[in-house]
Amino acid sequence: MANGLRFKTARDLFTACPAIARDMGTLPTEQNSIAFCRVLLAGRVPEEAITFCAYLLPERAGVWWAHECLSHLTDLFDGTDQELLAHVRDWVSEPDNPRHRAVLSTAAATPSPVGWIALAAVWPDDGSATATMMAPALQPFPAAHAVNAGILAGLARVALADRFAVLSAFVEMGIQMAEIEALRQSADAY
């Protein structure tokens, strides 16, 4: 399955998305992306596997993955964040719906893990006028940066004793989602 991924190797991903090097300390290898991600998970800084998945997934799939990860942590969020998580779900279903975009644009300023995911959903990365109005410090970062920040911020709320198990489950979910995206894209090609 790894052959159908958008980025066959870790180096391919780092070449296509140089911003990942600002979020990770581990250097890329020629390993296939899934194997590299699993090495990260077993490594000294397993959180880098979350970062790698955030960049490996296409943006909309990355937002969905983040939604799914944070949905497993809803008991750690207040009612506002839970409501915002529902809006992220709605956006994934209809990303072009202006109503969803408006709600998430307002919510993207929320300082919480779910706020980061909302930001990822509305992150302007197309060179639009909105992108140029964004704070200069944020402009060079892709939506994957916000997905990564949201998931890691949510993970930081998990009890230390449970954190690695939750992190591992999130990474496996990200890997499965990358494989599903690869299948979907190969089916679309035919």
Protein backbone atom coordinates (compact mmCIF):
# COMPACT_ATOMS: atom_id res chain seq x y z
CA MET A 1 0.00 0.00 0.00
CA ALA A 2 2.82 2.44 0.76
CA ASN A 3 3.57 2.71 -2.96
CA GLY A 4 0.28 4.52 -3.57
CA LEU A 5 0.92 7.22 -0.97
CA ARG A 6 1.28 10.85 -2.07
CA PHE A 7 4.85 10.77 -0.75
CA LYS A 8 6.52 7.41 -1.22
CA THR A 9 9.49 8.19 1.00
CA ALA A 10 10.11 10.47 3.96
CA ARG A 11 12.56 12.44 1.82
CA ASP A 12 9.84 12.98 -0.81
CA LEU A 13 7.61 14.53 1.85
CA PHE A 14 10.39 16.76 3.22
CA THR A 15 11.23 17.89 -0.32
CA ALA A 16 7.61 18.72 -1.16
CA CYS A 17 6.83 20.31 2.23
CA PRO A 18 9.98 22.00 3.55
CA ALA A 19 7.99 23.51 6.46
CA ILE A 20 8.01 20.08 8.11
CA ALA A 21 11.70 20.59 8.94
CA ARG A 22 10.65 23.46 11.24
CA ASP A 23 8.33 21.14 13.16
CA MET A 24 10.61 18.10 13.37
CA GLY A 25 14.20 17.50 14.40
CA THR A 26 14.55 14.07 12.78
CA LEU A 27 16.07 14.12 9.32
CA PRO A 28 14.30 12.30 6.48
CA THR A 29 15.49 9.01 5.05
CA GLU A 30 14.74 7.04 1.90
CA GLN A 31 12.45 4.73 3.91
CA ASN A 32 8.89 4.52 2.70
CA SER A 33 6.68 6.97 4.52
CA ILE A 34 4.78 4.44 6.63
CA ALA A 35 7.96 2.68 7.81
CA PHE A 36 9.56 6.05 8.62
CA CYS A 37 6.50 7.08 10.62
CA ARG A 38 6.63 3.87 12.64
CA VAL A 39 10.35 4.39 13.31
CA LEU A 40 9.51 7.86 14.61
CA LEU A 41 6.84 6.39 16.88
CA ALA A 42 9.36 3.95 18.33
CA GLY A 43 12.05 6.63 18.57
CA ARG A 44 13.27 9.08 21.17
CA VAL A 45 10.59 11.70 20.30
CA PRO A 46 7.48 9.70 19.36
CA GLU A 47 5.45 12.91 19.00
CA GLU A 48 7.29 13.46 15.71
CA ALA A 49 5.19 10.61 14.27
CA ILE A 50 2.13 12.85 14.81
CA THR A 51 3.93 15.67 13.00
CA PHE A 52 4.89 13.39 10.12
CA CYS A 53 1.30 12.15 9.72
CA ALA A 54 -0.01 15.73 9.76
CA TYR A 55 2.16 16.54 6.74
CA LEU A 56 1.70 13.16 5.04
CA LEU A 57 -2.07 13.53 4.78
CA PRO A 58 -3.80 15.81 2.27
CA GLU A 59 -5.16 18.88 4.08
CA ARG A 60 -8.83 17.92 4.32
CA ALA A 61 -7.94 14.38 5.41
CA GLY A 62 -5.53 15.87 7.95
CA VAL A 63 -8.28 18.00 9.44
CA TRP A 64 -10.55 14.94 9.58
CA TRP A 65 -7.80 12.92 11.27
CA ALA A 66 -7.31 15.68 13.83
CA HIS A 67 -11.07 15.78 14.41
CA GLU A 68 -11.11 12.04 14.99
CA CYS A 69 -8.14 12.20 17.36
CA LEU A 70 -9.64 15.00 19.43
CA SER A 71 -13.06 13.31 19.39
CA HIS A 72 -11.46 10.60 21.53
CA LEU A 73 -10.55 13.25 24.09
CA THR A 74 -13.86 15.09 24.44
CA ASP A 75 -14.02 14.48 28.18
CA LEU A 76 -10.95 16.75 28.40
CA PHE A 77 -12.70 19.64 26.60
CA ASP A 78 -15.34 22.12 27.69
CA GLY A 79 -18.68 22.59 25.95
CA THR A 80 -17.35 25.31 23.65
CA ASP A 81 -14.61 23.05 22.32
CA GLN A 82 -17.04 20.17 21.90
CA GLU A 83 -19.34 22.42 19.88
CA LEU A 84 -16.39 23.61 17.81
CA LEU A 85 -15.41 20.01 17.14
CA ALA A 86 -18.89 19.46 15.68
CA HIS A 87 -18.34 22.47 13.39
CA VAL A 88 -15.04 20.98 12.20
CA ARG A 89 -16.91 17.74 11.38
CA ASP A 90 -19.46 19.76 9.40
CA TRP A 91 -16.70 21.59 7.52
CA VAL A 92 -15.06 18.31 6.49
CA SER A 93 -18.42 17.18 5.06
CA GLU A 94 -18.92 20.46 3.19
CA PRO A 95 -15.65 22.41 2.98
CA ASP A 96 -17.05 24.87 0.43
CA ASN A 97 -20.05 25.80 2.57
CA PRO A 98 -19.54 29.48 3.48
CA ARG A 99 -21.48 29.05 6.74
CA HIS A 100 -19.05 26.40 8.03
CA ARG A 101 -16.09 28.48 6.94
CA ALA A 102 -17.43 31.58 8.71
CA VAL A 103 -17.98 29.72 11.99
CA LEU A 104 -14.53 28.15 11.87
CA SER A 105 -12.86 31.43 10.90
CA THR A 106 -14.23 33.01 14.05
CA ALA A 107 -13.38 29.96 16.16
CA ALA A 108 -9.83 29.72 14.82
CA ALA A 109 -8.81 32.36 17.37
CA THR A 110 -9.81 30.03 20.22
CA PRO A 111 -6.68 29.15 22.22
CA SER A 112 -7.28 25.41 22.50
CA PRO A 113 -6.44 22.17 20.68
CA VAL A 114 -9.75 22.39 18.81
CA GLY A 115 -9.03 26.02 17.94
CA TRP A 116 -5.89 24.85 16.15
CA ILE A 117 -7.94 22.35 14.15
CA ALA A 118 -10.42 25.08 13.22
CA LEU A 119 -7.46 27.17 12.06
CA ALA A 120 -6.22 24.26 9.93
CA ALA A 121 -9.65 24.02 8.28
CA VAL A 122 -9.65 27.64 7.20
CA TRP A 123 -5.91 28.16 6.77
CA PRO A 124 -5.39 30.12 3.55
CA ASP A 125 -2.61 28.40 1.65
CA ASP A 126 -3.48 29.36 -1.87
CA GLY A 127 -1.72 32.72 -2.12
CA SER A 128 -5.05 34.50 -1.74
CA ALA A 129 -5.52 37.98 -0.34
CA THR A 130 -6.58 36.39 2.94
CA ALA A 131 -3.20 34.69 3.16
CA THR A 132 -1.37 37.96 2.72
CA MET A 133 -3.44 39.60 5.48
CA MET A 134 -2.44 36.85 7.92
CA ALA A 135 0.14 37.65 10.58
CA PRO A 136 3.59 37.41 8.93
CA ALA A 137 4.78 34.90 11.53
CA LEU A 138 2.04 32.49 10.45
CA GLN A 139 2.25 32.88 6.67
CA PRO A 140 4.97 30.33 5.91
CA PHE A 141 3.23 27.49 7.76
CA PRO A 142 0.86 25.09 6.02
CA ALA A 143 -2.39 23.79 7.52
CA ALA A 144 -0.49 20.65 8.57
CA HIS A 145 1.32 22.80 11.15
CA ALA A 146 -2.03 23.66 12.77
CA VAL A 147 -3.20 20.03 12.61
CA ASN A 148 0.02 18.99 14.33
CA ALA A 149 -0.29 21.71 16.99
CA GLY A 150 -3.93 20.82 17.70
CA ILE A 151 -3.32 17.10 18.11
CA LEU A 152 -0.21 17.60 20.22
CA ALA A 153 -2.00 20.18 22.40
CA GLY A 154 -4.85 17.71 22.91
CA LEU A 155 -2.38 14.95 23.69
CA ALA A 156 -0.75 17.16 26.33
CA ARG A 157 -4.04 17.02 28.27
CA VAL A 158 -3.92 13.22 28.50
CA ALA A 159 -2.63 11.73 31.75
CA LEU A 160 1.07 10.97 31.46
CA ALA A 161 0.52 7.27 32.20
CA ASP A 162 -1.84 7.00 29.20
CA ARG A 163 -0.12 9.38 26.81
CA PHE A 164 2.01 6.94 24.79
CA ALA A 165 -0.91 4.56 24.24
CA VAL A 166 -3.10 7.43 23.02
CA LEU A 167 -0.28 8.82 20.86
CA SER A 168 0.26 5.38 19.31
CA ALA A 169 -3.45 5.03 18.56
CA PHE A 170 -3.49 8.47 16.92
CA VAL A 171 -0.47 7.61 14.75
CA GLU A 172 -1.98 4.28 13.68
CA MET A 173 -5.19 6.12 12.79
CA GLY A 174 -3.14 8.61 10.73
CA ILE A 175 -1.34 5.80 8.93
CA GLN A 176 -4.64 4.08 8.14
CA MET A 177 -6.07 7.34 6.88
CA ALA A 178 -3.02 7.88 4.62
CA GLU A 179 -3.48 4.39 3.20
CA ILE A 180 -7.20 4.98 2.63
CA GLU A 181 -6.42 8.29 0.90
CA ALA A 182 -3.91 6.49 -1.34
CA LEU A 183 -6.57 3.93 -2.30
CA ARG A 184 -9.14 6.65 -2.93
CA GLN A 185 -6.79 8.66 -5.09
CA SER A 186 -5.73 5.61 -7.11
CA ALA A 187 -9.41 4.73 -7.65
CA ASP A 188 -10.10 8.32 -8.76
CA ALA A 189 -7.27 8.02 -11.28
CA TYR A 190 -9.10 5.25 -13.14
